[in-house]
Amino acid sequence: MKNKVLLILLIIAAAILGGIAAAGASDVDNLQWLAYSKGIELKPSTLDLSIISLTFGFSFKINVAQIICMLIAVAVYPKLAKAINV
């Protein structure tokens, strides 16, 4: 259980770090490719049942820097888990 939590935390931290890196790299001419992103989106739609109204929507966007950082996090995970004896 602790191993899964550590892996999830590493991936979340890598995604945040990758987003920050992509934001910084978008202004540099040679590093703009790190900020290239693709997304999947389901636009919000509402279901009105007169008593209750439900709105569903989904948006997911990832960039190259985040993918690289997450791959590094997954590669580092076994060594880190072994080092802290999780």
PDB file of N, CA and C in Angstrom:
ATOM      1  N   MET A   1       0.817  -1.196   0.000  1.00  0.00           N
ATOM      2  CA  MET A   1       0.000   0.000   0.000  1.00  0.00           C
ATOM      3  C   MET A   1       0.865   1.266   0.000  1.00  0.00           C
ATOM      4  N   LYS A   2       1.901   1.276   0.822  1.00  0.00           N
ATOM      5  CA  LYS A   2       2.777   2.440   0.890  1.00  0.00           C
ATOM      6  C   LYS A   2       3.505   2.650  -0.438  1.00  0.00           C
ATOM      7  N   ASN A   3       3.823   1.545  -1.124  1.00  0.00           N
ATOM      8  CA  ASN A   3       4.499   1.662  -2.426  1.00  0.00           C
ATOM      9  C   ASN A   3       3.618   2.382  -3.436  1.00  0.00           C
ATOM     10  N   LYS A   4       2.329   2.065  -3.443  1.00  0.00           N
ATOM     11  CA  LYS A   4       1.413   2.697  -4.389  1.00  0.00           C
ATOM     12  C   LYS A   4       1.247   4.175  -4.080  1.00  0.00           C
ATOM     13  N   VAL A   5       1.168   4.500  -2.799  1.00  0.00           N
ATOM     14  CA  VAL A   5       1.032   5.901  -2.408  1.00  0.00           C
ATOM     15  C   VAL A   5       2.269   6.694  -2.820  1.00  0.00           C
ATOM     16  N   LEU A   6       3.445   6.126  -2.609  1.00  0.00           N
ATOM     17  CA  LEU A   6       4.681   6.792  -3.009  1.00  0.00           C
ATOM     18  C   LEU A   6       4.717   7.019  -4.515  1.00  0.00           C
ATOM     19  N   LEU A   7       4.343   6.021  -5.282  1.00  0.00           N
ATOM     20  CA  LEU A   7       4.333   6.153  -6.744  1.00  0.00           C
ATOM     21  C   LEU A   7       3.351   7.224  -7.196  1.00  0.00           C
ATOM     22  N   ILE A   8       2.170   7.245  -6.617  1.00  0.00           N
ATOM     23  CA  ILE A   8       1.168   8.253  -6.976  1.00  0.00           C
ATOM     24  C   ILE A   8       1.664   9.651  -6.628  1.00  0.00           C
ATOM     25  N   LEU A   9       2.276   9.814  -5.452  1.00  0.00           N
ATOM     26  CA  LEU A   9       2.819  11.113  -5.060  1.00  0.00           C
ATOM     27  C   LEU A   9       3.938  11.561  -5.991  1.00  0.00           C
ATOM     28  N   LEU A  10       4.793  10.630  -6.398  1.00  0.00           N
ATOM     29  CA  LEU A  10       5.864  10.964  -7.340  1.00  0.00           C
ATOM     30  C   LEU A  10       5.305  11.407  -8.687  1.00  0.00           C
ATOM     31  N   ILE A  11       4.297  10.727  -9.176  1.00  0.00           N
ATOM     32  CA  ILE A  11       3.703  11.071 -10.464  1.00  0.00           C
ATOM     33  C   ILE A  11       3.009  12.432 -10.394  1.00  0.00           C
ATOM     34  N   ILE A  12       2.306  12.702  -9.295  1.00  0.00           N
ATOM     35  CA  ILE A  12       1.650  14.004  -9.139  1.00  0.00           C
ATOM     36  C   ILE A  12       2.685  15.116  -9.066  1.00  0.00           C
ATOM     37  N   ALA A  13       3.748  14.896  -8.292  1.00  0.00           N
ATOM     38  CA  ALA A  13       4.815  15.904  -8.190  1.00  0.00           C
ATOM     39  C   ALA A  13       5.482  16.128  -9.549  1.00  0.00           C
ATOM     40  N   ALA A  14       5.682  15.060 -10.300  1.00  0.00           N
ATOM     41  CA  ALA A  14       6.295  15.173 -11.629  1.00  0.00           C
ATOM     42  C   ALA A  14       5.382  15.944 -12.581  1.00  0.00           C
ATOM     43  N   ALA A  15       4.076  15.717 -12.504  1.00  0.00           N
ATOM     44  CA  ALA A  15       3.138  16.437 -13.366  1.00  0.00           C
ATOM     45  C   ALA A  15       3.145  17.929 -13.049  1.00  0.00           C
ATOM     46  N   ILE A  16       3.206  18.267 -11.766  1.00  0.00           N
ATOM     47  CA  ILE A  16       3.252  19.678 -11.374  1.00  0.00           C
ATOM     48  C   ILE A  16       4.559  20.305 -11.825  1.00  0.00           C
ATOM     49  N   LEU A  17       5.670  19.618 -11.583  1.00  0.00           N
ATOM     50  CA  LEU A  17       6.981  20.130 -11.993  1.00  0.00           C
ATOM     51  C   LEU A  17       7.057  20.275 -13.514  1.00  0.00           C
ATOM     52  N   GLY A  18       6.511  19.330 -14.245  1.00  0.00           N
ATOM     53  CA  GLY A  18       6.490  19.402 -15.701  1.00  0.00           C
ATOM     54  C   GLY A  18       5.659  20.570 -16.206  1.00  0.00           C
ATOM     55  N   GLY A  19       4.548  20.859 -15.532  1.00  0.00           N
ATOM     56  CA  GLY A  19       3.731  22.006 -15.913  1.00  0.00           C
ATOM     57  C   GLY A  19       4.467  23.319 -15.703  1.00  0.00           C
ATOM     58  N   ILE A  20       5.201  23.406 -14.596  1.00  0.00           N
ATOM     59  CA  ILE A  20       5.997  24.603 -14.328  1.00  0.00           C
ATOM     60  C   ILE A  20       7.119  24.732 -15.353  1.00  0.00           C
ATOM     61  N   ALA A  21       7.780  23.622 -15.666  1.00  0.00           N
ATOM     62  CA  ALA A  21       8.859  23.642 -16.653  1.00  0.00           C
ATOM     63  C   ALA A  21       8.336  24.035 -18.030  1.00  0.00           C
ATOM     64  N   ALA A  22       7.171  23.545 -18.394  1.00  0.00           N
ATOM     65  CA  ALA A  22       6.599  23.885 -19.703  1.00  0.00           C
ATOM     66  C   ALA A  22       6.222  25.355 -19.776  1.00  0.00           C
ATOM     67  N   ALA A  23       5.718  25.897 -18.678  1.00  0.00           N
ATOM     68  CA  ALA A  23       5.367  27.322 -18.665  1.00  0.00           C
ATOM     69  C   ALA A  23       6.618  28.183 -18.840  1.00  0.00           C
ATOM     70  N   GLY A  24       7.705  27.779 -18.214  1.00  0.00           N
ATOM     71  CA  GLY A  24       8.958  28.524 -18.368  1.00  0.00           C
ATOM     72  C   GLY A  24       9.587  28.327 -19.730  1.00  0.00           C
ATOM     73  N   ALA A  25       9.454  27.131 -20.284  1.00  0.00           N
ATOM     74  CA  ALA A  25      10.077  26.826 -21.577  1.00  0.00           C
ATOM     75  C   ALA A  25       9.313  27.420 -22.753  1.00  0.00           C
ATOM     76  N   SER A  26       8.077  27.810 -22.549  1.00  0.00           N
ATOM     77  CA  SER A  26       7.289  28.343 -23.671  1.00  0.00           C
ATOM     78  C   SER A  26       7.838  29.681 -24.171  1.00  0.00           C
ATOM     79  N   ASP A  27       8.612  30.388 -23.338  1.00  0.00           N
ATOM     80  CA  ASP A  27       9.184  31.677 -23.741  1.00  0.00           C
ATOM     81  C   ASP A  27      10.562  31.548 -24.389  1.00  0.00           C
ATOM     82  N   VAL A  28      11.184  30.371 -24.287  1.00  0.00           N
ATOM     83  CA  VAL A  28      12.526  30.159 -24.833  1.00  0.00           C
ATOM     84  C   VAL A  28      12.391  29.524 -26.223  1.00  0.00           C
ATOM     85  N   ASP A  29      13.054  30.113 -27.211  1.00  0.00           N
ATOM     86  CA  ASP A  29      12.885  29.667 -28.598  1.00  0.00           C
ATOM     87  C   ASP A  29      13.221  28.196 -28.811  1.00  0.00           C
ATOM     88  N   ASN A  30      14.325  27.715 -28.264  1.00  0.00           N
ATOM     89  CA  ASN A  30      14.754  26.336 -28.514  1.00  0.00           C
ATOM     90  C   ASN A  30      14.010  25.308 -27.667  1.00  0.00           C
ATOM     91  N   LEU A  31      13.251  25.742 -26.677  1.00  0.00           N
ATOM     92  CA  LEU A  31      12.573  24.801 -25.778  1.00  0.00           C
ATOM     93  C   LEU A  31      11.049  24.853 -25.879  1.00  0.00           C
ATOM     94  N   GLN A  32      10.524  25.496 -26.890  1.00  0.00           N
ATOM     95  CA  GLN A  32       9.071  25.606 -27.016  1.00  0.00           C
ATOM     96  C   GLN A  32       8.387  24.255 -27.217  1.00  0.00           C
ATOM     97  N   TRP A  33       9.116  23.283 -27.720  1.00  0.00           N
ATOM     98  CA  TRP A  33       8.533  21.961 -27.943  1.00  0.00           C
ATOM     99  C   TRP A  33       8.146  21.295 -26.616  1.00  0.00           C
ATOM    100  N   LEU A  34       8.763  21.696 -25.509  1.00  0.00           N
ATOM    101  CA  LEU A  34       8.388  21.144 -24.203  1.00  0.00           C
ATOM    102  C   LEU A  34       6.985  21.570 -23.785  1.00  0.00           C
ATOM    103  N   ALA A  35       6.527  22.691 -24.273  1.00  0.00           N
ATOM    104  CA  ALA A  35       5.212  23.207 -23.906  1.00  0.00           C
ATOM    105  C   ALA A  35       4.098  22.705 -24.830  1.00  0.00           C
ATOM    106  N   TYR A  36       4.438  21.938 -25.868  1.00  0.00           N
ATOM    107  CA  TYR A  36       3.419  21.404 -26.777  1.00  0.00           C
ATOM    108  C   TYR A  36       2.488  20.485 -25.998  1.00  0.00           C
ATOM    109  N   SER A  37       1.193  20.698 -26.134  1.00  0.00           N
ATOM    110  CA  SER A  37       0.252  19.888 -25.359  1.00  0.00           C
ATOM    111  C   SER A  37      -0.936  19.464 -26.202  1.00  0.00           C
ATOM    112  N   LYS A  38      -1.555  18.408 -25.778  1.00  0.00           N
ATOM    113  CA  LYS A  38      -2.782  17.899 -26.373  1.00  0.00           C
ATOM    114  C   LYS A  38      -3.773  17.685 -25.235  1.00  0.00           C
ATOM    115  N   GLY A  39      -5.030  17.779 -25.559  1.00  0.00           N
ATOM    116  CA  GLY A  39      -6.037  17.617 -24.530  1.00  0.00           C
ATOM    117  C   GLY A  39      -7.239  16.830 -24.999  1.00  0.00           C
ATOM    118  N   ILE A  40      -7.955  16.319 -24.034  1.00  0.00           N
ATOM    119  CA  ILE A  40      -9.217  15.629 -24.266  1.00  0.00           C
ATOM    120  C   ILE A  40     -10.255  16.380 -23.449  1.00  0.00           C
ATOM    121  N   GLU A  41     -11.396  16.644 -24.049  1.00  0.00           N
ATOM    122  CA  GLU A  41     -12.398  17.422 -23.332  1.00  0.00           C
ATOM    123  C   GLU A  41     -13.796  16.929 -23.646  1.00  0.00           C
ATOM    124  N   LEU A  42     -14.595  16.817 -22.626  1.00  0.00           N
ATOM    125  CA  LEU A  42     -16.016  16.569 -22.754  1.00  0.00           C
ATOM    126  C   LEU A  42     -16.685  17.818 -22.205  1.00  0.00           C
ATOM    127  N   LYS A  43     -17.265  18.603 -23.081  1.00  0.00           N
ATOM    128  CA  LYS A  43     -17.837  19.881 -22.665  1.00  0.00           C
ATOM    129  C   LYS A  43     -18.971  19.647 -21.668  1.00  0.00           C
ATOM    130  N   PRO A  44     -19.119  20.562 -20.727  1.00  0.00           N
ATOM    131  CA  PRO A  44     -20.163  20.388 -19.705  1.00  0.00           C
ATOM    132  C   PRO A  44     -21.554  20.294 -20.323  1.00  0.00           C
ATOM    133  N   SER A  45     -22.304  19.324 -19.859  1.00  0.00           N
ATOM    134  CA  SER A  45     -23.701  19.188 -20.270  1.00  0.00           C
ATOM    135  C   SER A  45     -24.536  18.998 -19.010  1.00  0.00           C
ATOM    136  N   THR A  46     -25.741  19.505 -19.039  1.00  0.00           N
ATOM    137  CA  THR A  46     -26.587  19.508 -17.853  1.00  0.00           C
ATOM    138  C   THR A  46     -27.787  18.594 -18.051  1.00  0.00           C
ATOM    139  N   LEU A  47     -28.071  17.835 -17.013  1.00  0.00           N
ATOM    140  CA  LEU A  47     -29.253  16.980 -16.964  1.00  0.00           C
ATOM    141  C   LEU A  47     -30.182  17.590 -15.924  1.00  0.00           C
ATOM    142  N   ASP A  48     -31.308  18.121 -16.366  1.00  0.00           N
ATOM    143  CA  ASP A  48     -32.246  18.781 -15.463  1.00  0.00           C
ATOM    144  C   ASP A  48     -33.434  17.863 -15.226  1.00  0.00           C
ATOM    145  N   LEU A  49     -33.608  17.419 -13.973  1.00  0.00           N
ATOM    146  CA  LEU A  49     -34.691  16.501 -13.624  1.00  0.00           C
ATOM    147  C   LEU A  49     -35.758  17.179 -12.770  1.00  0.00           C
ATOM    148  N   SER A  50     -35.878  18.457 -12.854  1.00  0.00           N
ATOM    149  CA  SER A  50     -36.805  19.327 -12.139  1.00  0.00           C
ATOM    150  C   SER A  50     -36.560  19.361 -10.629  1.00  0.00           C
ATOM    151  N   ILE A  51     -36.188  18.276 -10.013  1.00  0.00           N
ATOM    152  CA  ILE A  51     -35.862  18.274  -8.580  1.00  0.00           C
ATOM    153  C   ILE A  51     -34.381  18.546  -8.380  1.00  0.00           C
ATOM    154  N   ILE A  52     -33.586  17.984  -9.263  1.00  0.00           N
ATOM    155  CA  ILE A  52     -32.132  18.103  -9.164  1.00  0.00           C
ATOM    156  C   ILE A  52     -31.562  18.371 -10.550  1.00  0.00           C
ATOM    157  N   SER A  53     -30.512  19.105 -10.576  1.00  0.00           N
ATOM    158  CA  SER A  53     -29.837  19.401 -11.835  1.00  0.00           C
ATOM    159  C   SER A  53     -28.395  18.918 -11.725  1.00  0.00           C
ATOM    160  N   LEU A  54     -27.968  18.073 -12.644  1.00  0.00           N
ATOM    161  CA  LEU A  54     -26.617  17.535 -12.648  1.00  0.00           C
ATOM    162  C   LEU A  54     -25.854  18.046 -13.858  1.00  0.00           C
ATOM    163  N   THR A  55     -24.609  18.457 -13.632  1.00  0.00           N
ATOM    164  CA  THR A  55     -23.751  18.905 -14.724  1.00  0.00           C
ATOM    165  C   THR A  55     -22.531  18.010 -14.790  1.00  0.00           C
ATOM    166  N   PHE A  56     -22.266  17.476 -15.968  1.00  0.00           N
ATOM    167  CA  PHE A  56     -21.132  16.599 -16.193  1.00  0.00           C
ATOM    168  C   PHE A  56     -20.158  17.280 -17.150  1.00  0.00           C
ATOM    169  N   GLY A  57     -18.876  17.139 -16.878  1.00  0.00           N
ATOM    170  CA  GLY A  57     -17.856  17.677 -17.770  1.00  0.00           C
ATOM    171  C   GLY A  57     -16.502  17.098 -17.422  1.00  0.00           C
ATOM    172  N   PHE A  58     -15.580  17.161 -18.377  1.00  0.00           N
ATOM    173  CA  PHE A  58     -14.260  16.575 -18.171  1.00  0.00           C
ATOM    174  C   PHE A  58     -13.269  17.275 -19.080  1.00  0.00           C
ATOM    175  N   SER A  59     -12.084  17.554 -18.551  1.00  0.00           N
ATOM    176  CA  SER A  59     -11.024  18.149 -19.347  1.00  0.00           C
ATOM    177  C   SER A  59      -9.683  17.606 -18.867  1.00  0.00           C
ATOM    178  N   PHE A  60      -8.867  17.154 -19.800  1.00  0.00           N
ATOM    179  CA  PHE A  60      -7.555  16.593 -19.473  1.00  0.00           C
ATOM    180  C   PHE A  60      -6.560  17.115 -20.494  1.00  0.00           C
ATOM    181  N   LYS A  61      -5.492  17.740 -20.019  1.00  0.00           N
ATOM    182  CA  LYS A  61      -4.491  18.309 -20.916  1.00  0.00           C
ATOM    183  C   LYS A  61      -3.107  17.977 -20.365  1.00  0.00           C
ATOM    184  N   ILE A  62      -2.227  17.480 -21.227  1.00  0.00           N
ATOM    185  CA  ILE A  62      -0.886  17.097 -20.811  1.00  0.00           C
ATOM    186  C   ILE A  62       0.111  17.605 -21.851  1.00  0.00           C
ATOM    187  N   ASN A  63       1.306  17.990 -21.386  1.00  0.00           N
ATOM    188  CA  ASN A  63       2.317  18.483 -22.314  1.00  0.00           C
ATOM    189  C   ASN A  63       3.556  17.589 -22.281  1.00  0.00           C
ATOM    190  N   VAL A  64       4.479  17.861 -23.179  1.00  0.00           N
ATOM    191  CA  VAL A  64       5.672  17.029 -23.341  1.00  0.00           C
ATOM    192  C   VAL A  64       6.535  17.043 -22.073  1.00  0.00           C
ATOM    193  N   ALA A  65       6.687  18.204 -21.461  1.00  0.00           N
ATOM    194  CA  ALA A  65       7.506  18.303 -20.254  1.00  0.00           C
ATOM    195  C   ALA A  65       6.921  17.447 -19.128  1.00  0.00           C
ATOM    196  N   GLN A  66       5.602  17.405 -18.995  1.00  0.00           N
ATOM    197  CA  GLN A  66       4.970  16.581 -17.973  1.00  0.00           C
ATOM    198  C   GLN A  66       5.194  15.095 -18.246  1.00  0.00           C
ATOM    199  N   ILE A  67       5.113  14.698 -19.498  1.00  0.00           N
ATOM    200  CA  ILE A  67       5.348  13.291 -19.844  1.00  0.00           C
ATOM    201  C   ILE A  67       6.778  12.889 -19.499  1.00  0.00           C
ATOM    202  N   ILE A  68       7.739  13.743 -19.847  1.00  0.00           N
ATOM    203  CA  ILE A  68       9.146  13.452 -19.544  1.00  0.00           C
ATOM    204  C   ILE A  68       9.361  13.350 -18.034  1.00  0.00           C
ATOM    205  N   CYS A  69       8.807  14.295 -17.284  1.00  0.00           N
ATOM    206  CA  CYS A  69       8.978  14.276 -15.825  1.00  0.00           C
ATOM    207  C   CYS A  69       8.321  13.042 -15.205  1.00  0.00           C
ATOM    208  N   MET A  70       7.154  12.626 -15.718  1.00  0.00           N
ATOM    209  CA  MET A  70       6.497  11.436 -15.178  1.00  0.00           C
ATOM    210  C   MET A  70       7.284  10.170 -15.501  1.00  0.00           C
ATOM    211  N   LEU A  71       7.876  10.099 -16.683  1.00  0.00           N
ATOM    212  CA  LEU A  71       8.711   8.947 -17.018  1.00  0.00           C
ATOM    213  C   LEU A  71       9.941   8.876 -16.112  1.00  0.00           C
ATOM    214  N   ILE A  72      10.528  10.029 -15.814  1.00  0.00           N
ATOM    215  CA  ILE A  72      11.666  10.065 -14.891  1.00  0.00           C
ATOM    216  C   ILE A  72      11.229   9.620 -13.495  1.00  0.00           C
ATOM    217  N   ALA A  73      10.056  10.056 -13.056  1.00  0.00           N
ATOM    218  CA  ALA A  73       9.550   9.672 -11.735  1.00  0.00           C
ATOM    219  C   ALA A  73       9.335   8.165 -11.641  1.00  0.00           C
ATOM    220  N   VAL A  74       8.790   7.567 -12.694  1.00  0.00           N
ATOM    221  CA  VAL A  74       8.566   6.114 -12.698  1.00  0.00           C
ATOM    222  C   VAL A  74       9.903   5.372 -12.710  1.00  0.00           C
ATOM    223  N   ALA A  75      10.905   5.916 -13.408  1.00  0.00           N
ATOM    224  CA  ALA A  75      12.223   5.279 -13.453  1.00  0.00           C
ATOM    225  C   ALA A  75      12.945   5.385 -12.109  1.00  0.00           C
ATOM    226  N   VAL A  76      12.753   6.487 -11.406  1.00  0.00           N
ATOM    227  CA  VAL A  76      13.432   6.710 -10.126  1.00  0.00           C
ATOM    228  C   VAL A  76      12.722   5.989  -8.976  1.00  0.00           C
ATOM    229  N   TYR A  77      11.449   5.707  -9.146  1.00  0.00           N
ATOM    230  CA  TYR A  77      10.635   5.115  -8.085  1.00  0.00           C
ATOM    231  C   TYR A  77      11.229   3.860  -7.437  1.00  0.00           C
ATOM    232  N   PRO A  78      11.666   2.848  -8.185  1.00  0.00           N
ATOM    233  CA  PRO A  78      12.187   1.641  -7.513  1.00  0.00           C
ATOM    234  C   PRO A  78      13.387   1.932  -6.614  1.00  0.00           C
ATOM    235  N   LYS A  79      14.288   2.769  -7.074  1.00  0.00           N
ATOM    236  CA  LYS A  79      15.463   3.106  -6.263  1.00  0.00           C
ATOM    237  C   LYS A  79      15.083   3.896  -5.028  1.00  0.00           C
ATOM    238  N   LEU A  80      14.142   4.823  -5.185  1.00  0.00           N
ATOM    239  CA  LEU A  80      13.700   5.624  -4.052  1.00  0.00           C
ATOM    240  C   LEU A  80      12.949   4.781  -3.037  1.00  0.00           C
ATOM    241  N   ALA A  81      12.095   3.888  -3.497  1.00  0.00           N
ATOM    242  CA  ALA A  81      11.345   3.017  -2.590  1.00  0.00           C
ATOM    243  C   ALA A  81      12.284   2.109  -1.823  1.00  0.00           C
ATOM    244  N   LYS A  82      13.306   1.631  -2.493  1.00  0.00           N
ATOM    245  CA  LYS A  82      14.298   0.764  -1.833  1.00  0.00           C
ATOM    246  C   LYS A  82      15.120   1.560  -0.826  1.00  0.00           C
ATOM    247  N   ALA A  83      15.453   2.805  -1.154  1.00  0.00           N
ATOM    248  CA  ALA A  83      16.279   3.627  -0.281  1.00  0.00           C
ATOM    249  C   ALA A  83      15.559   4.004   1.002  1.00  0.00           C
ATOM    250  N   ILE A  84      14.246   4.212   0.925  1.00  0.00           N
ATOM    251  CA  ILE A  84      13.520   4.585   2.137  1.00  0.00           C
ATOM    252  C   ILE A  84      12.794   3.389   2.765  1.00  0.00           C
ATOM    253  N   ASN A  85      13.039   2.214   2.228  1.00  0.00           N
ATOM    254  CA  ASN A  85      12.505   0.950   2.767  1.00  0.00           C
ATOM    255  C   ASN A  85      10.988   0.959   2.903  1.00  0.00           C
ATOM    256  N   VAL A  86      10.319   1.298   1.812  1.00  0.00           N
ATOM    257  CA  VAL A  86       8.862   1.297   1.830  1.00  0.00           C
ATOM    258  C   VAL A  86       8.378  -0.078   1.447  1.00  0.00           C
TER     259      VAL A  86
END
